[in-house]
Amino acid sequence: MLGENDRDDVVVESLPIGANEGDLEAVLLDGCLGFSLSAGTAILYLQMALGNAAEPLHCGLLAVYTAFVVGLLLIAGRFFTDFLQTSAGRFLIRWTNMAAFIGAFLCSVLGWSIAAVTFGAVGLVNVFFLYGRFLAALARKALMLVVDVLFVYTGLTCMIISQIGYWYSVVVLGVVTAIAIVISGVFISRKHDYAEFVSTADSKERSIKVRGNDYTIFALGFALSIASMALFVHIDTITVVAWLGLSVGVAGVLSIMTRQLDERFFKESMKKSIALSVTACLMVVPIVPDEWKLVVICVFTCFTCLNIIVLINAIVETTRFNQISPIYLIGQFGTVFFGGVLFGTVLFSGAAFLQGRVDAPVMYIACVVAVVLCAFLQIKVNYLIYPFEPIIDDDMDEDVRAQIEEEGTRRIAYRQRVEAVCEKYRLSPREREVLRILLKGRDAKYIMDTFYISQSTAKTHIYNIYRKLDVHSRQELLDLVDETEPDATALPEEQGSAQ
């Protein structure tokens, strides 16, 4: 994969899990069955508590409470990342995960909605913390499969349990809960080739600071909350839950099918159409019959889930590529996402509560507020995430090629200048590797193939390097390195060792 000249500058890591056929068991058992089943079951507990609410207002309040609890747990996880990565912390996550699933099951059977939501929220966050390092160690295609299975499983179980009798649903819920606990125990006992734990300080330093990320994530969380409007249409809850489950499952199936498309074009199109889809949904919902309200909301929920699948893949892929603690990054971006969910559930639940108590068309006003908010966030995404488009895939002209070759002949001094640039601009270890590859004339596709990441992730990280160095093209990058004075204290030592 790497050229001979690249081997001196790039740390060649072991292949990620799922990069060869020998890892199939780990991907299926620990990924598709372990993580997807556990996370899907935790989501199922949350859905059941919301669906069993006595009235829509109660359901809305539970949704607000759920988003608040999950967000609070994610903040705590980010704050205590270093502790959770110790032996005591991992022990706590393991047994808290088991206790959360047992508690959620018992509270769901007894009908204690608030307690069931609390345990379900703890279980969901714990699953991501428990499996975070495993997900980050997965090859890109294996990760995509695991996340797709999560959505397919979640959708199917929501549909099935909502349609069968109470005691049958209790039995099914008990079985999947027991399987999730057992599989998680098996997962913990298995040994995988993980990277070293990364501290909070290092994770914070290595996080990609692209301003548009938070706007995109908040917008997606807000968009997901729009699904709560389905609970306020005049259709029985069982039917609503079944249709919403169908939309989530279809999103997982469509995600598998869309892998045949141009991945970067697909992701960019999805990201840039959030505001348009919100507008199309919310401007239609108030004027169509209740049956069509549910259809419109479910189609929009499917679209939103497709975006969330892309988001989860991107977050996990970033933890591996940029060598960031999964607990830290999940806590960071998850907090923003559920902040959007919280804001949306407060908006629509409050509007539904006031709708029957005042003369003003409160729900219409809430829809207008949502459209304006999403349009504002979309503008922020479009104009802040990439203020300029760096030239990173251009064909090198003869002058640039000659300059690269010339710099290669002055290898020792050139390396010193590169190291000086890395230190001056505080590049992370991974960014330093990518910079060295770029300086050899390689492009985003080469980086994608070398590190088993998507093209969009590779280009995002290249952009981040260009942004930090304040350059806009490969020629400017070469000029910056050429103009940087090497470290005078380290240069003589390197020259002596070379001689």
Protein backbone atom coordinates (compact mmCIF):
# COMPACT_ATOMS: atom_id res chain seq x y z
CA MET A 1 0.00 0.00 0.00
CA LEU A 2 2.80 2.42 0.86
CA GLY A 3 5.67 3.36 -1.41
CA GLU A 4 9.26 2.73 -0.32
CA ASN A 5 9.88 6.40 0.42
CA ASP A 6 6.69 6.65 2.47
CA ARG A 7 7.59 3.91 4.94
CA ASP A 8 10.06 6.10 6.82
CA ASP A 9 7.46 8.76 7.53
CA VAL A 10 4.20 6.88 8.06
CA VAL A 11 3.45 4.51 10.91
CA VAL A 12 2.10 1.35 9.28
CA GLU A 13 -0.59 0.02 11.62
CA SER A 14 -2.18 -3.40 11.77
CA LEU A 15 -5.16 -3.88 9.52
CA PRO A 16 -8.49 -2.75 11.01
CA ILE A 17 -11.01 -5.42 12.05
CA GLY A 18 -12.98 -6.57 9.02
CA ALA A 19 -10.28 -5.77 6.48
CA ASN A 20 -9.83 -9.49 5.78
CA GLU A 21 -12.09 -12.55 5.77
CA GLY A 22 -10.61 -13.89 8.99
CA ASP A 23 -12.36 -11.12 10.92
CA LEU A 24 -15.85 -12.11 9.75
CA GLU A 25 -16.69 -13.76 13.07
CA ALA A 26 -15.73 -10.68 15.06
CA VAL A 27 -17.73 -8.37 12.76
CA LEU A 28 -20.85 -10.54 12.94
CA LEU A 29 -20.67 -11.63 16.58
CA ASP A 30 -19.31 -8.54 18.30
CA GLY A 31 -20.54 -5.97 15.79
CA CYS A 32 -23.81 -6.97 14.14
CA LEU A 33 -25.03 -9.13 17.02
CA GLY A 34 -23.33 -7.54 20.02
CA PHE A 35 -23.35 -3.79 19.41
CA SER A 36 -26.37 -3.59 17.08
CA LEU A 37 -28.54 -5.84 19.26
CA SER A 38 -27.56 -4.06 22.48
CA ALA A 39 -27.97 -0.51 21.15
CA GLY A 40 -31.18 -1.44 19.32
CA THR A 41 -32.66 -3.00 22.47
CA ALA A 42 -31.84 0.12 24.50
CA ILE A 43 -33.58 2.25 21.87
CA LEU A 44 -36.51 -0.18 21.98
CA TYR A 45 -36.96 0.45 25.71
CA LEU A 46 -37.05 4.19 25.09
CA GLN A 47 -39.56 3.75 22.27
CA MET A 48 -41.82 1.49 24.37
CA ALA A 49 -41.90 3.95 27.24
CA LEU A 50 -42.84 6.77 24.85
CA GLY A 51 -45.39 4.66 22.97
CA ASN A 52 -47.11 3.47 26.15
CA ALA A 53 -47.66 7.00 27.44
CA ALA A 54 -51.27 7.65 28.39
CA GLU A 55 -51.60 10.80 26.29
CA PRO A 56 -49.55 12.76 23.74
CA LEU A 57 -48.54 15.45 26.24
CA HIS A 58 -47.17 12.81 28.61
CA CYS A 59 -45.29 11.28 25.70
CA GLY A 60 -43.83 14.67 24.76
CA LEU A 61 -42.62 15.27 28.31
CA LEU A 62 -41.01 11.83 28.36
CA ALA A 63 -39.26 12.62 25.07
CA VAL A 64 -37.90 15.85 26.55
CA TYR A 65 -36.75 13.97 29.67
CA THR A 66 -35.10 11.26 27.54
CA ALA A 67 -33.09 13.75 25.48
CA PHE A 68 -32.05 15.59 28.65
CA VAL A 69 -30.87 12.42 30.44
CA VAL A 70 -28.94 11.08 27.44
CA GLY A 71 -27.28 14.46 26.91
CA LEU A 72 -26.35 14.68 30.60
CA LEU A 73 -24.82 11.18 30.53
CA LEU A 74 -22.79 12.04 27.42
CA ILE A 75 -21.46 15.20 29.07
CA ALA A 76 -20.48 13.15 32.12
CA GLY A 77 -18.78 10.57 29.89
CA ARG A 78 -16.76 13.26 28.14
CA PHE A 79 -15.81 14.84 31.46
CA PHE A 80 -14.71 11.51 33.02
CA THR A 81 -13.09 10.04 29.89
CA ASP A 82 -9.76 9.37 31.59
CA PHE A 83 -11.39 7.53 34.49
CA LEU A 84 -13.70 5.47 32.25
CA GLN A 85 -10.65 4.22 30.35
CA THR A 86 -9.00 2.82 33.50
CA SER A 87 -9.62 -0.73 34.71
CA ALA A 88 -12.04 0.57 37.36
CA GLY A 89 -13.88 2.67 34.78
CA ARG A 90 -14.24 -0.21 32.32
CA PHE A 91 -15.48 -2.39 35.19
CA LEU A 92 -18.08 0.28 36.01
CA ILE A 93 -19.25 0.51 32.38
CA ARG A 94 -19.54 -3.29 32.14
CA TRP A 95 -21.71 -3.79 35.20
CA THR A 96 -23.69 -0.58 34.77
CA ASN A 97 -24.56 -1.79 31.28
CA MET A 98 -25.91 -5.08 32.65
CA ALA A 99 -27.82 -3.37 35.47
CA ALA A 100 -29.34 -0.83 33.05
CA PHE A 101 -30.77 -3.53 30.77
CA ILE A 102 -32.20 -5.54 33.67
CA GLY A 103 -33.65 -2.40 35.23
CA ALA A 104 -35.17 -1.23 31.93
CA PHE A 105 -36.80 -4.63 31.41
CA LEU A 106 -38.33 -4.77 34.91
CA CYS A 107 -39.56 -1.17 34.79
CA SER A 108 -41.07 -1.69 31.32
CA VAL A 109 -42.98 -4.76 32.54
CA LEU A 110 -44.20 -2.89 35.64
CA GLY A 111 -45.20 0.16 33.57
CA TRP A 112 -42.86 2.61 35.32
CA SER A 113 -42.23 4.85 32.34
CA ILE A 114 -39.84 7.38 33.85
CA ALA A 115 -37.68 4.70 35.43
CA ALA A 116 -37.71 2.67 32.20
CA VAL A 117 -36.61 5.72 30.20
CA THR A 118 -33.83 6.43 32.71
CA PHE A 119 -32.48 2.87 32.57
CA GLY A 120 -32.88 2.79 28.79
CA ALA A 121 -30.91 6.03 28.42
CA VAL A 122 -28.14 4.70 30.66
CA GLY A 123 -28.06 1.48 28.65
CA LEU A 124 -27.84 3.30 25.31
CA VAL A 125 -24.95 5.52 26.38
CA ASN A 126 -23.15 2.61 28.05
CA VAL A 127 -23.38 0.51 24.88
CA PHE A 128 -21.57 3.19 22.87
CA PHE A 129 -18.95 3.61 25.59
CA LEU A 130 -18.53 -0.17 25.90
CA TYR A 131 -18.19 -0.83 22.17
CA GLY A 132 -16.54 2.48 21.22
CA ARG A 133 -13.01 1.15 20.82
CA PHE A 134 -14.27 -1.88 18.89
CA LEU A 135 -16.24 0.29 16.47
CA ALA A 136 -13.23 2.56 15.99
CA ALA A 137 -11.09 -0.49 15.16
CA LEU A 138 -13.45 -1.64 12.38
CA ALA A 139 -12.65 -1.22 8.71
CA ARG A 140 -14.91 1.28 6.98
CA LYS A 141 -17.16 -1.21 5.19
CA ALA A 142 -17.50 -3.38 8.30
CA LEU A 143 -18.45 -0.31 10.35
CA MET A 144 -21.07 0.69 7.79
CA LEU A 145 -22.58 -2.81 7.91
CA VAL A 146 -22.76 -2.80 11.72
CA VAL A 147 -24.47 0.61 11.84
CA ASP A 148 -26.92 -0.37 9.07
CA VAL A 149 -27.84 -3.54 10.97
CA LEU A 150 -28.52 -1.42 14.05
CA PHE A 151 -31.16 0.60 12.21
CA VAL A 152 -32.70 -2.43 10.50
CA TYR A 153 -32.95 -4.29 13.81
CA THR A 154 -34.38 -1.26 15.64
CA GLY A 155 -37.03 -0.75 12.99
CA LEU A 156 -38.06 -4.41 12.86
CA THR A 157 -38.35 -4.83 16.64
CA CYS A 158 -40.41 -1.64 16.96
CA MET A 159 -42.81 -2.93 14.31
CA ILE A 160 -43.07 -6.45 15.73
CA ILE A 161 -43.45 -5.62 19.43
CA SER A 162 -46.02 -2.92 18.71
CA GLN A 163 -48.21 -5.44 16.86
CA ILE A 164 -48.20 -8.44 19.24
CA GLY A 165 -49.96 -8.95 22.55
CA TYR A 166 -48.60 -7.76 25.87
CA TRP A 167 -47.27 -11.04 27.23
CA TYR A 168 -45.79 -11.99 23.86
CA SER A 169 -43.98 -8.67 23.77
CA VAL A 170 -42.69 -9.23 27.30
CA VAL A 171 -41.28 -12.62 26.27
CA VAL A 172 -39.63 -11.17 23.13
CA LEU A 173 -38.22 -8.28 25.13
CA GLY A 174 -36.88 -10.62 27.80
CA VAL A 175 -35.20 -12.83 25.19
CA VAL A 176 -33.45 -10.00 23.34
CA THR A 177 -32.39 -8.44 26.65
CA ALA A 178 -30.86 -11.71 27.83
CA ILE A 179 -29.07 -12.15 24.50
CA ALA A 180 -27.72 -8.58 24.66
CA ILE A 181 -26.35 -9.15 28.18
CA VAL A 182 -24.75 -12.51 27.28
CA ILE A 183 -23.24 -11.26 24.01
CA SER A 184 -21.83 -8.19 25.77
CA GLY A 185 -20.22 -10.49 28.34
CA VAL A 186 -18.69 -12.58 25.57
CA PHE A 187 -17.46 -9.41 23.85
CA ILE A 188 -15.69 -8.18 26.98
CA SER A 189 -13.87 -11.50 27.34
CA ARG A 190 -12.58 -11.44 23.75
CA LYS A 191 -9.25 -9.87 22.87
CA HIS A 192 -9.09 -7.44 19.96
CA ASP A 193 -6.19 -5.51 18.50
CA TYR A 194 -7.02 -2.05 19.78
CA ALA A 195 -4.99 1.11 19.68
CA GLU A 196 -3.69 2.55 22.94
CA PHE A 197 -6.07 4.56 25.11
CA VAL A 198 -6.01 8.28 24.36
CA SER A 199 -6.29 10.84 27.16
CA THR A 200 -8.83 13.64 27.34
CA ALA A 201 -6.13 16.25 26.77
CA ASP A 202 -4.82 14.53 23.64
CA SER A 203 -8.35 13.92 22.36
CA LYS A 204 -9.21 17.58 22.76
CA GLU A 205 -6.02 18.60 20.95
CA ARG A 206 -6.63 16.20 18.04
CA SER A 207 -10.32 16.92 17.51
CA ILE A 208 -11.11 18.40 14.13
CA LYS A 209 -12.18 21.98 14.70
CA VAL A 210 -14.42 22.63 11.71
CA ARG A 211 -17.03 25.15 12.73
CA GLY A 212 -19.80 23.74 10.58
CA ASN A 213 -19.75 20.32 12.28
CA ASP A 214 -21.75 21.38 15.33
CA TYR A 215 -24.38 23.07 13.16
CA THR A 216 -24.85 19.91 11.10
CA ILE A 217 -25.07 17.66 14.15
CA PHE A 218 -27.49 19.97 15.99
CA ALA A 219 -29.65 20.21 12.86
CA LEU A 220 -29.83 16.42 12.58
CA GLY A 221 -30.83 16.06 16.23
CA PHE A 222 -33.50 18.70 15.74
CA ALA A 223 -34.69 16.99 12.54
CA LEU A 224 -35.06 13.67 14.40
CA SER A 225 -37.27 15.37 17.00
CA ILE A 226 -39.73 16.24 14.23
CA ALA A 227 -40.75 12.55 14.29
CA SER A 228 -42.42 13.32 17.63
CA MET A 229 -45.11 15.22 15.69
CA ALA A 230 -46.47 11.82 14.62
CA LEU A 231 -47.62 11.23 18.20
CA PHE A 232 -49.90 14.27 18.03
CA VAL A 233 -51.87 13.21 14.95
CA HIS A 234 -55.26 11.60 15.59
CA ILE A 235 -54.13 8.03 14.92
CA ASP A 236 -53.71 5.28 17.52
CA THR A 237 -50.25 5.00 19.02
CA ILE A 238 -49.74 1.38 17.93
CA THR A 239 -50.10 2.35 14.27
CA VAL A 240 -47.82 5.36 14.68
CA VAL A 241 -45.08 3.29 16.32
CA ALA A 242 -45.30 0.62 13.62
CA TRP A 243 -44.96 3.18 10.82
CA LEU A 244 -42.08 4.98 12.51
CA GLY A 245 -40.37 1.61 13.03
CA LEU A 246 -40.83 0.86 9.34
CA SER A 247 -39.21 4.17 8.37
CA VAL A 248 -36.17 3.47 10.58
CA GLY A 249 -35.76 -0.06 9.19
CA VAL A 250 -36.12 1.12 5.59
CA ALA A 251 -33.38 3.70 6.26
CA GLY A 252 -31.02 0.88 7.22
CA VAL A 253 -31.88 -1.08 4.06
CA LEU A 254 -31.49 1.99 1.84
CA SER A 255 -28.12 2.73 3.42
CA ILE A 256 -26.92 -0.71 2.39
CA MET A 257 -28.21 -0.18 -1.14
CA THR A 258 -26.70 3.31 -1.56
CA ARG A 259 -23.17 1.96 -1.12
CA GLN A 260 -23.18 1.39 -4.85
CA LEU A 261 -23.47 5.15 -5.45
CA ASP A 262 -20.75 7.77 -5.40
CA GLU A 263 -20.26 7.92 -1.63
CA ARG A 264 -18.96 11.48 -1.41
CA PHE A 265 -21.70 12.83 -3.69
CA PHE A 266 -24.32 10.97 -1.66
CA LYS A 267 -23.05 12.34 1.68
CA GLU A 268 -22.72 15.90 0.41
CA SER A 269 -26.20 15.81 -1.11
CA MET A 270 -27.72 14.51 2.13
CA LYS A 271 -25.94 17.07 4.29
CA LYS A 272 -26.94 20.02 2.12
CA SER A 273 -30.60 19.07 1.83
CA ILE A 274 -31.56 19.01 5.53
CA ALA A 275 -33.19 22.45 5.50
CA LEU A 276 -35.01 21.74 2.23
CA SER A 277 -36.43 18.45 3.53
CA VAL A 278 -37.52 20.07 6.83
CA THR A 279 -39.28 22.82 4.90
CA ALA A 280 -41.02 20.34 2.57
CA CYS A 281 -42.18 18.26 5.53
CA LEU A 282 -43.35 20.99 7.90
CA MET A 283 -45.07 23.10 5.24
CA VAL A 284 -47.12 20.10 4.12
CA VAL A 285 -47.98 18.45 7.45
CA PRO A 286 -50.42 21.10 8.74
CA ILE A 287 -52.62 21.04 5.61
CA VAL A 288 -52.97 17.31 4.80
CA PRO A 289 -55.29 14.72 6.44
CA ASP A 290 -54.02 12.84 9.48
CA GLU A 291 -53.21 9.69 7.51
CA TRP A 292 -51.02 11.65 5.12
CA LYS A 293 -49.46 13.57 8.01
CA LEU A 294 -48.13 10.25 9.30
CA VAL A 295 -46.85 9.26 5.84
CA VAL A 296 -45.02 12.58 5.35
CA ILE A 297 -43.44 12.41 8.80
CA CYS A 298 -42.32 8.81 8.27
CA VAL A 299 -40.72 9.62 4.91
CA PHE A 300 -38.92 12.52 6.53
CA THR A 301 -37.86 10.29 9.46
CA CYS A 302 -36.38 7.79 6.99
CA PHE A 303 -34.39 10.58 5.32
CA THR A 304 -33.18 11.84 8.70
CA CYS A 305 -32.09 8.34 9.77
CA LEU A 306 -30.05 8.04 6.56
CA ASN A 307 -28.24 11.21 7.58
CA ILE A 308 -27.74 9.91 11.12
CA ILE A 309 -26.22 6.69 9.77
CA VAL A 310 -23.70 8.79 7.84
CA LEU A 311 -23.06 10.85 10.99
CA ILE A 312 -22.37 7.81 13.21
CA ASN A 313 -20.00 6.37 10.62
CA ALA A 314 -18.16 9.70 10.34
CA ILE A 315 -17.78 10.13 14.12
CA VAL A 316 -16.48 6.62 14.68
CA GLU A 317 -14.17 6.81 11.67
CA THR A 318 -12.76 10.08 12.98
CA THR A 319 -11.93 8.52 16.36
CA ARG A 320 -9.77 5.89 14.65
CA PHE A 321 -8.16 8.06 12.02
CA ASN A 322 -7.34 11.03 14.25
CA GLN A 323 -6.51 8.81 17.25
CA ILE A 324 -9.14 10.27 19.58
CA SER A 325 -10.78 8.53 22.52
CA PRO A 326 -14.18 7.18 21.35
CA ILE A 327 -15.71 8.06 24.73
CA TYR A 328 -14.55 11.65 24.40
CA LEU A 329 -15.68 12.14 20.81
CA ILE A 330 -19.02 10.35 21.28
CA GLY A 331 -19.60 12.50 24.34
CA GLN A 332 -18.66 15.67 22.46
CA PHE A 333 -20.76 15.19 19.33
CA GLY A 334 -23.52 13.21 21.06
CA THR A 335 -24.16 16.09 23.43
CA VAL A 336 -24.67 18.47 20.50
CA PHE A 337 -26.94 15.96 18.74
CA PHE A 338 -29.20 15.39 21.74
CA GLY A 339 -29.18 19.11 22.39
CA GLY A 340 -30.92 19.42 19.03
CA VAL A 341 -33.33 16.62 19.98
CA LEU A 342 -34.08 18.34 23.28
CA PHE A 343 -34.78 21.69 21.64
CA GLY A 344 -37.07 20.10 19.05
CA THR A 345 -39.07 18.02 21.52
CA VAL A 346 -39.56 21.07 23.76
CA LEU A 347 -40.73 23.13 20.76
CA PHE A 348 -43.24 20.62 19.35
CA SER A 349 -44.46 19.27 22.69
CA GLY A 350 -45.04 22.80 23.93
CA ALA A 351 -46.87 23.70 20.73
CA ALA A 352 -49.08 20.61 21.01
CA PHE A 353 -49.90 21.47 24.62
CA LEU A 354 -50.90 25.04 23.74
CA GLN A 355 -52.74 24.14 20.54
CA GLY A 356 -56.01 23.24 22.27
CA ARG A 357 -55.78 25.99 24.88
CA VAL A 358 -55.33 29.17 22.82
CA ASP A 359 -56.93 30.47 19.67
CA ALA A 360 -53.68 31.09 17.80
CA PRO A 361 -52.43 28.36 15.40
CA VAL A 362 -49.55 27.48 17.70
CA MET A 363 -48.45 24.35 15.79
CA TYR A 364 -48.17 26.37 12.57
CA ILE A 365 -46.03 28.92 14.37
CA ALA A 366 -43.81 26.13 15.73
CA CYS A 367 -43.39 24.76 12.20
CA VAL A 368 -42.35 28.18 10.91
CA VAL A 369 -39.84 28.53 13.76
CA ALA A 370 -38.42 25.09 12.90
CA VAL A 371 -38.05 25.96 9.21
CA VAL A 372 -36.31 29.27 9.98
CA LEU A 373 -33.98 27.55 12.45
CA CYS A 374 -33.01 24.81 9.98
CA ALA A 375 -32.48 27.34 7.20
CA PHE A 376 -30.19 29.34 9.49
CA LEU A 377 -28.22 26.21 10.44
CA GLN A 378 -27.94 25.17 6.79
CA ILE A 379 -26.50 28.55 5.86
CA LYS A 380 -23.99 28.20 8.67
CA VAL A 381 -23.02 24.73 7.43
CA ASN A 382 -22.63 25.82 3.81
CA TYR A 383 -20.56 28.92 4.55
CA LEU A 384 -18.55 27.91 7.61
CA ILE A 385 -17.54 24.28 7.21
CA TYR A 386 -15.41 24.98 4.11
CA PRO A 387 -14.70 28.74 3.82
CA PHE A 388 -12.41 27.90 0.92
CA GLU A 389 -11.93 24.86 -1.28
CA PRO A 390 -8.29 23.76 -1.13
CA ILE A 391 -6.81 22.37 -4.31
CA ILE A 392 -5.94 18.88 -3.07
CA ASP A 393 -6.47 16.66 -6.09
CA ASP A 394 -5.00 18.79 -8.84
CA ASP A 395 -2.57 17.27 -11.32
CA MET A 396 0.95 18.44 -10.52
CA ASP A 397 2.64 20.55 -13.14
CA GLU A 398 6.29 19.99 -14.00
CA ASP A 399 7.55 22.76 -11.69
CA VAL A 400 5.79 21.30 -8.64
CA ARG A 401 6.97 17.79 -9.48
CA ALA A 402 10.53 19.01 -9.91
CA GLN A 403 10.35 20.82 -6.59
CA ILE A 404 9.20 17.65 -4.78
CA GLU A 405 12.03 15.66 -6.35
CA GLU A 406 14.56 18.37 -5.47
CA GLU A 407 13.41 18.46 -1.86
CA GLY A 408 13.78 14.68 -1.72
CA THR A 409 17.48 14.97 -2.52
CA ARG A 410 17.96 17.22 0.51
CA ARG A 411 16.29 14.67 2.72
CA ILE A 412 17.70 15.47 6.16
CA ALA A 413 17.19 19.25 6.06
CA TYR A 414 13.82 18.81 4.41
CA ARG A 415 12.63 16.48 7.17
CA GLN A 416 13.72 19.02 9.71
CA ARG A 417 11.65 21.72 8.01
CA VAL A 418 8.62 19.42 7.93
CA GLU A 419 9.01 18.70 11.65
CA ALA A 420 9.34 22.42 12.31
CA VAL A 421 6.06 23.05 10.46
CA CYS A 422 4.35 20.29 12.45
CA GLU A 423 5.52 21.73 15.75
CA LYS A 424 4.79 25.34 14.84
CA TYR A 425 1.20 24.62 13.78
CA ARG A 426 0.58 21.96 16.47
CA LEU A 427 -0.48 19.20 14.10
CA SER A 428 -1.75 15.98 15.64
CA PRO A 429 0.22 12.74 15.10
CA ARG A 430 -2.18 11.64 12.35
CA GLU A 431 -2.11 15.05 10.68
CA ARG A 432 1.68 14.83 10.58
CA GLU A 433 1.47 11.51 8.76
CA VAL A 434 -1.01 12.89 6.25
CA LEU A 435 1.12 16.01 5.72
CA ARG A 436 4.15 13.90 4.86
CA ILE A 437 2.09 11.91 2.38
CA LEU A 438 0.78 15.11 0.78
CA LEU A 439 4.32 16.44 0.47
CA LYS A 440 5.20 13.36 -1.58
CA GLY A 441 2.56 14.29 -4.14
CA ARG A 442 -0.10 11.82 -3.01
CA ASP A 443 -3.83 12.62 -3.19
CA ALA A 444 -6.96 11.99 -1.11
CA LYS A 445 -7.63 8.61 -2.72
CA TYR A 446 -4.18 7.36 -1.71
CA ILE A 447 -4.82 8.47 1.88
CA MET A 448 -8.25 6.81 1.78
CA ASP A 449 -6.75 3.49 0.65
CA THR A 450 -3.84 3.69 3.09
CA PHE A 451 -5.89 4.34 6.22
CA TYR A 452 -9.13 2.52 5.26
CA ILE A 453 -11.27 5.65 5.50
CA SER A 454 -13.87 7.21 3.25
CA GLN A 455 -12.95 9.76 0.61
CA SER A 456 -14.96 12.46 2.35
CA THR A 457 -13.14 11.81 5.64
CA ALA A 458 -9.78 11.94 3.89
CA LYS A 459 -10.65 15.24 2.22
CA THR A 460 -11.96 16.67 5.49
CA HIS A 461 -8.69 15.92 7.23
CA ILE A 462 -6.65 17.30 4.33
CA TYR A 463 -8.74 20.45 4.46
CA ASN A 464 -8.12 20.71 8.19
CA ILE A 465 -4.35 20.61 7.59
CA TYR A 466 -4.63 23.28 4.88
CA ARG A 467 -6.71 25.40 7.25
CA LYS A 468 -4.24 25.11 10.12
CA LEU A 469 -1.32 25.98 7.84
CA ASP A 470 -3.33 28.73 6.09
CA VAL A 471 -2.52 27.43 2.59
CA HIS A 472 -4.85 26.76 -0.33
CA SER A 473 -2.90 24.57 -2.75
CA ARG A 474 -0.10 22.04 -2.91
CA GLN A 475 2.28 24.67 -4.25
CA GLU A 476 1.57 26.95 -1.28
CA LEU A 477 2.13 23.96 1.00
CA LEU A 478 5.53 23.26 -0.56
CA ASP A 479 6.47 26.94 -0.35
CA LEU A 480 5.55 27.05 3.35
CA VAL A 481 7.77 24.07 4.14
CA ASP A 482 10.59 25.48 2.02
CA GLU A 483 10.44 28.83 3.83
CA THR A 484 10.34 27.32 7.33
CA GLU A 485 13.64 27.28 9.19
CA PRO A 486 14.55 23.80 10.51
CA ASP A 487 15.21 23.13 14.18
CA ALA A 488 18.85 24.12 14.57
CA THR A 489 19.30 22.07 17.75
CA ALA A 490 18.17 18.79 16.17
CA LEU A 491 19.75 19.20 12.73
CA PRO A 492 23.42 18.46 13.60
CA GLU A 493 22.47 15.27 15.44
CA GLU A 494 20.52 13.95 12.45
CA GLN A 495 23.35 14.84 10.09
CA GLY A 496 25.85 13.04 12.29
CA SER A 497 23.72 9.92 12.45
CA ALA A 498 23.29 9.97 8.69
CA GLN A 499 27.03 10.16 8.20
